[in-house]
Amino acid sequence: MTKFASQWVALGNAGRKVDPSKNGVASPSEDELAWCRRALKDPNPVNQEEARKRLGRWGLTESELLRGPA
């Protein structure tokens, strides 16, 4: 069975709730934010880099994430 790229995107996002904000960027869930907090403390640089990429997409900085809700 052949899958086209457009079908893989739908499969990858299956079951994921995406809540686009006013500027078109999906806002992170609490689970995603918790994962990023753990990943930034992880000694594995791959996890740290992935967390920084996600924060960049959400428009957050590391200090904002680690500071928590105001």
C-alpha atoms as a PDB file:
ATOM      1  CA  MET A   1       0.000   0.000   0.000  1.00  0.00           C
ATOM      2  CA  THR A   2       1.461   3.333  -1.060  1.00  0.00           C
ATOM      3  CA  LYS A   3       1.124   6.414   1.144  1.00  0.00           C
ATOM      4  CA  PHE A   4       1.488   9.926  -0.199  1.00  0.00           C
ATOM      5  CA  ALA A   5       3.112  12.683   1.842  1.00  0.00           C
ATOM      6  CA  SER A   6      -0.257  14.348   2.437  1.00  0.00           C
ATOM      7  CA  GLN A   7      -1.539  11.129   4.002  1.00  0.00           C
ATOM      8  CA  TRP A   8       1.449  10.792   6.358  1.00  0.00           C
ATOM      9  CA  VAL A   9       0.851  14.244   7.808  1.00  0.00           C
ATOM     10  CA  ALA A  10      -2.719  13.308   8.642  1.00  0.00           C
ATOM     11  CA  LEU A  11      -1.573  10.039  10.218  1.00  0.00           C
ATOM     12  CA  GLY A  12       1.105  11.817  12.256  1.00  0.00           C
ATOM     13  CA  ASN A  13      -1.419  14.274  13.651  1.00  0.00           C
ATOM     14  CA  ALA A  14      -4.170  11.730  14.298  1.00  0.00           C
ATOM     15  CA  GLY A  15      -5.713  12.248  17.704  1.00  0.00           C
ATOM     16  CA  ARG A  16      -3.687  15.368  18.417  1.00  0.00           C
ATOM     17  CA  LYS A  17      -5.621  18.447  19.378  1.00  0.00           C
ATOM     18  CA  VAL A  18      -4.263  21.520  17.634  1.00  0.00           C
ATOM     19  CA  ASP A  19      -5.426  24.863  18.882  1.00  0.00           C
ATOM     20  CA  PRO A  20      -4.179  27.562  16.528  1.00  0.00           C
ATOM     21  CA  SER A  21      -3.642  30.894  18.192  1.00  0.00           C
ATOM     22  CA  LYS A  22      -4.312  34.258  16.610  1.00  0.00           C
ATOM     23  CA  ASN A  23      -0.945  34.301  14.793  1.00  0.00           C
ATOM     24  CA  GLY A  24      -1.377  30.822  13.310  1.00  0.00           C
ATOM     25  CA  VAL A  25       0.971  29.013  15.715  1.00  0.00           C
ATOM     26  CA  ALA A  26      -0.428  26.104  17.687  1.00  0.00           C
ATOM     27  CA  SER A  27      -0.356  26.714  21.419  1.00  0.00           C
ATOM     28  CA  PRO A  28       1.318  23.976  23.469  1.00  0.00           C
ATOM     29  CA  SER A  29      -0.579  21.703  25.826  1.00  0.00           C
ATOM     30  CA  GLU A  30       0.475  21.271  29.443  1.00  0.00           C
ATOM     31  CA  ASP A  31       1.901  17.846  28.559  1.00  0.00           C
ATOM     32  CA  GLU A  32       4.047  19.365  25.811  1.00  0.00           C
ATOM     33  CA  LEU A  33       5.302  22.085  28.139  1.00  0.00           C
ATOM     34  CA  ALA A  34       6.133  19.482  30.814  1.00  0.00           C
ATOM     35  CA  TRP A  35       8.058  17.442  28.241  1.00  0.00           C
ATOM     36  CA  CYS A  36      10.054  20.527  27.236  1.00  0.00           C
ATOM     37  CA  ARG A  37      10.911  21.274  30.878  1.00  0.00           C
ATOM     38  CA  ARG A  38      12.219  17.721  31.322  1.00  0.00           C
ATOM     39  CA  ALA A  39      14.053  17.755  27.974  1.00  0.00           C
ATOM     40  CA  LEU A  40      15.890  20.989  28.792  1.00  0.00           C
ATOM     41  CA  LYS A  41      17.248  19.347  31.964  1.00  0.00           C
ATOM     42  CA  ASP A  42      18.120  16.111  30.129  1.00  0.00           C
ATOM     43  CA  PRO A  43      21.867  15.584  29.528  1.00  0.00           C
ATOM     44  CA  ASN A  44      21.083  14.391  25.980  1.00  0.00           C
ATOM     45  CA  PRO A  45      21.730  17.367  23.639  1.00  0.00           C
ATOM     46  CA  VAL A  46      19.306  15.962  21.038  1.00  0.00           C
ATOM     47  CA  ASN A  47      16.398  16.273  23.483  1.00  0.00           C
ATOM     48  CA  GLN A  48      17.516  19.755  24.505  1.00  0.00           C
ATOM     49  CA  GLU A  49      17.671  20.906  20.879  1.00  0.00           C
ATOM     50  CA  GLU A  50      14.216  19.481  20.107  1.00  0.00           C
ATOM     51  CA  ALA A  51      12.793  21.311  23.135  1.00  0.00           C
ATOM     52  CA  ARG A  52      14.379  24.582  21.959  1.00  0.00           C
ATOM     53  CA  LYS A  53      12.911  24.102  18.462  1.00  0.00           C
ATOM     54  CA  ARG A  54       9.441  23.580  19.916  1.00  0.00           C
ATOM     55  CA  LEU A  55       9.772  26.623  22.155  1.00  0.00           C
ATOM     56  CA  GLY A  56      10.813  28.680  19.138  1.00  0.00           C
ATOM     57  CA  ARG A  57       7.736  27.575  17.202  1.00  0.00           C
ATOM     58  CA  TRP A  58       5.533  28.539  20.150  1.00  0.00           C
ATOM     59  CA  GLY A  59       7.271  31.886  20.654  1.00  0.00           C
ATOM     60  CA  LEU A  60       8.495  31.005  24.155  1.00  0.00           C
ATOM     61  CA  THR A  61      11.923  31.354  25.701  1.00  0.00           C
ATOM     62  CA  GLU A  62      13.548  28.902  28.097  1.00  0.00           C
ATOM     63  CA  SER A  63      13.281  31.372  30.963  1.00  0.00           C
ATOM     64  CA  GLU A  64       9.547  31.884  30.319  1.00  0.00           C
ATOM     65  CA  LEU A  65       8.994  28.128  30.308  1.00  0.00           C
ATOM     66  CA  LEU A  66      11.000  27.478  33.456  1.00  0.00           C
ATOM     67  CA  ARG A  67       9.482  30.464  35.259  1.00  0.00           C
ATOM     68  CA  GLY A  68       6.034  28.957  34.787  1.00  0.00           C
ATOM     69  CA  PRO A  69       2.652  30.679  34.649  1.00  0.00           C
ATOM     70  CA  ALA A  70       2.538  34.249  35.908  1.00  0.00           C
END
